[in-house]
C-alpha atoms as a PDB file:
ATOM      1  CA  MET A   1      72.509  22.566 -38.659  1.00  0.00           C
ATOM      2  CA  ARG A   2      75.263  24.873 -39.860  1.00  0.00           C
ATOM      3  CA  VAL A   3      76.539  27.967 -38.055  1.00  0.00           C
ATOM      4  CA  THR A   4      77.299  30.859 -40.398  1.00  0.00           C
ATOM      5  CA  LYS A   5      80.631  32.691 -40.434  1.00  0.00           C
ATOM      6  CA  LYS A   6      78.782  35.929 -39.693  1.00  0.00           C
ATOM      7  CA  ARG A   7      77.319  34.420 -36.512  1.00  0.00           C
ATOM      8  CA  THR A   8      80.774  33.241 -35.400  1.00  0.00           C
ATOM      9  CA  PHE A   9      82.276  36.683 -36.056  1.00  0.00           C
ATOM     10  CA  VAL A  10      79.532  38.508 -34.156  1.00  0.00           C
ATOM     11  CA  LYS A  11      79.782  36.056 -31.257  1.00  0.00           C
ATOM     12  CA  THR A  12      83.567  36.510 -31.101  1.00  0.00           C
ATOM     13  CA  ALA A  13      83.405  40.311 -31.339  1.00  0.00           C
ATOM     14  CA  ILE A  14      80.836  40.575 -28.550  1.00  0.00           C
ATOM     15  CA  TYR A  15      82.859  38.239 -26.343  1.00  0.00           C
ATOM     16  CA  ARG A  16      86.065  40.268 -26.846  1.00  0.00           C
ATOM     17  CA  VAL A  17      84.265  43.505 -25.927  1.00  0.00           C
ATOM     18  CA  TRP A  18      82.911  41.748 -22.837  1.00  0.00           C
ATOM     19  CA  ILE A  19      86.448  40.682 -21.839  1.00  0.00           C
ATOM     20  CA  LEU A  20      87.846  44.193 -22.346  1.00  0.00           C
ATOM     21  CA  ILE A  21      85.164  45.832 -20.209  1.00  0.00           C
ATOM     22  CA  THR A  22      85.216  43.311 -17.385  1.00  0.00           C
ATOM     23  CA  SER A  23      89.034  43.181 -17.296  1.00  0.00           C
ATOM     24  CA  TYR A  24      89.210  46.957 -16.997  1.00  0.00           C
ATOM     25  CA  ILE A  25      86.641  46.998 -14.170  1.00  0.00           C
ATOM     26  CA  PHE A  26      88.291  44.170 -12.254  1.00  0.00           C
ATOM     27  CA  LEU A  27      91.821  45.534 -12.594  1.00  0.00           C
ATOM     28  CA  SER A  28      90.630  49.004 -11.582  1.00  0.00           C
ATOM     29  CA  ILE A  29      89.113  47.556  -8.422  1.00  0.00           C
ATOM     30  CA  VAL A  30      92.148  45.440  -7.577  1.00  0.00           C
ATOM     31  CA  GLY A  31      94.843  47.996  -8.487  1.00  0.00           C
ATOM     32  CA  LYS A  32      97.730  45.825  -7.283  1.00  0.00           C
ATOM     33  CA  SER A  33     101.406  45.862  -8.285  1.00  0.00           C
ATOM     34  CA  TRP A  34     102.856  43.466 -10.869  1.00  0.00           C
ATOM     35  CA  SER A  35     104.301  41.221  -8.160  1.00  0.00           C
ATOM     36  CA  ASP A  36     100.899  40.905  -6.536  1.00  0.00           C
ATOM     37  CA  SER A  37      99.116  40.046  -9.764  1.00  0.00           C
ATOM     38  CA  ILE A  38      99.288  36.239  -9.648  1.00  0.00           C
ATOM     39  CA  LEU A  39      96.177  35.753  -7.516  1.00  0.00           C
ATOM     40  CA  PRO A  40      94.053  38.192  -9.539  1.00  0.00           C
ATOM     41  CA  THR A  41      95.280  36.541 -12.737  1.00  0.00           C
ATOM     42  CA  LEU A  42      94.284  33.073 -11.553  1.00  0.00           C
ATOM     43  CA  THR A  43      90.991  34.417 -10.249  1.00  0.00           C
ATOM     44  CA  LEU A  44      90.243  36.172 -13.543  1.00  0.00           C
ATOM     45  CA  ASN A  45      90.948  33.029 -15.524  1.00  0.00           C
ATOM     46  CA  PHE A  46      88.639  31.004 -13.288  1.00  0.00           C
ATOM     47  CA  LEU A  47      85.851  33.595 -13.425  1.00  0.00           C
ATOM     48  CA  TYR A  48      86.198  34.062 -17.180  1.00  0.00           C
ATOM     49  CA  SER A  49      85.940  30.320 -17.682  1.00  0.00           C
ATOM     50  CA  ILE A  50      82.615  30.383 -15.870  1.00  0.00           C
ATOM     51  CA  GLY A  51      81.644  33.542 -17.754  1.00  0.00           C
ATOM     52  CA  TYR A  52      82.461  32.061 -21.147  1.00  0.00           C
ATOM     53  CA  TYR A  53      80.581  28.850 -20.356  1.00  0.00           C
ATOM     54  CA  THR A  54      77.497  30.894 -19.436  1.00  0.00           C
ATOM     55  CA  TYR A  55      77.950  33.093 -22.508  1.00  0.00           C
ATOM     56  CA  ASP A  56      78.205  30.086 -24.815  1.00  0.00           C
ATOM     57  CA  ARG A  57      75.154  28.420 -23.256  1.00  0.00           C
ATOM     58  CA  ILE A  58      73.153  31.612 -23.890  1.00  0.00           C
ATOM     59  CA  TRP A  59      74.285  31.565 -27.539  1.00  0.00           C
ATOM     60  CA  GLN A  60      73.122  27.968 -27.831  1.00  0.00           C
ATOM     61  CA  ASN A  61      69.567  29.276 -27.367  1.00  0.00           C
ATOM     62  CA  ILE A  62      69.855  32.022 -30.000  1.00  0.00           C
ATOM     63  CA  LYS A  63      68.591  30.751 -33.327  1.00  0.00           C
ATOM     64  CA  TRP A  64      69.920  33.656 -35.431  1.00  0.00           C
ATOM     65  CA  GLY A  65      72.607  32.635 -37.953  1.00  0.00           C
ATOM     66  CA  ILE A  66      71.941  28.897 -37.799  1.00  0.00           C
ATOM     67  CA  LYS A  67      70.862  27.204 -41.007  1.00  0.00           C
ATOM     68  CA  LYS A  68      69.328  23.764 -41.192  1.00  0.00           C
END
């Protein structure tokens, strides 16, 4: 199997939009000062790791853009 460049681009673009939206929502909810941002930063990184893993696993089941 070969993944096309178009598939990789679309996957990357959708993921970046996802990160922008969820970051905005989370930071709006938290609304802390810069000095208080370490815990939210670590939490975001942990949650986004789980989110990306789930996102990638979903893409593994999408057959569009894969050539044999």
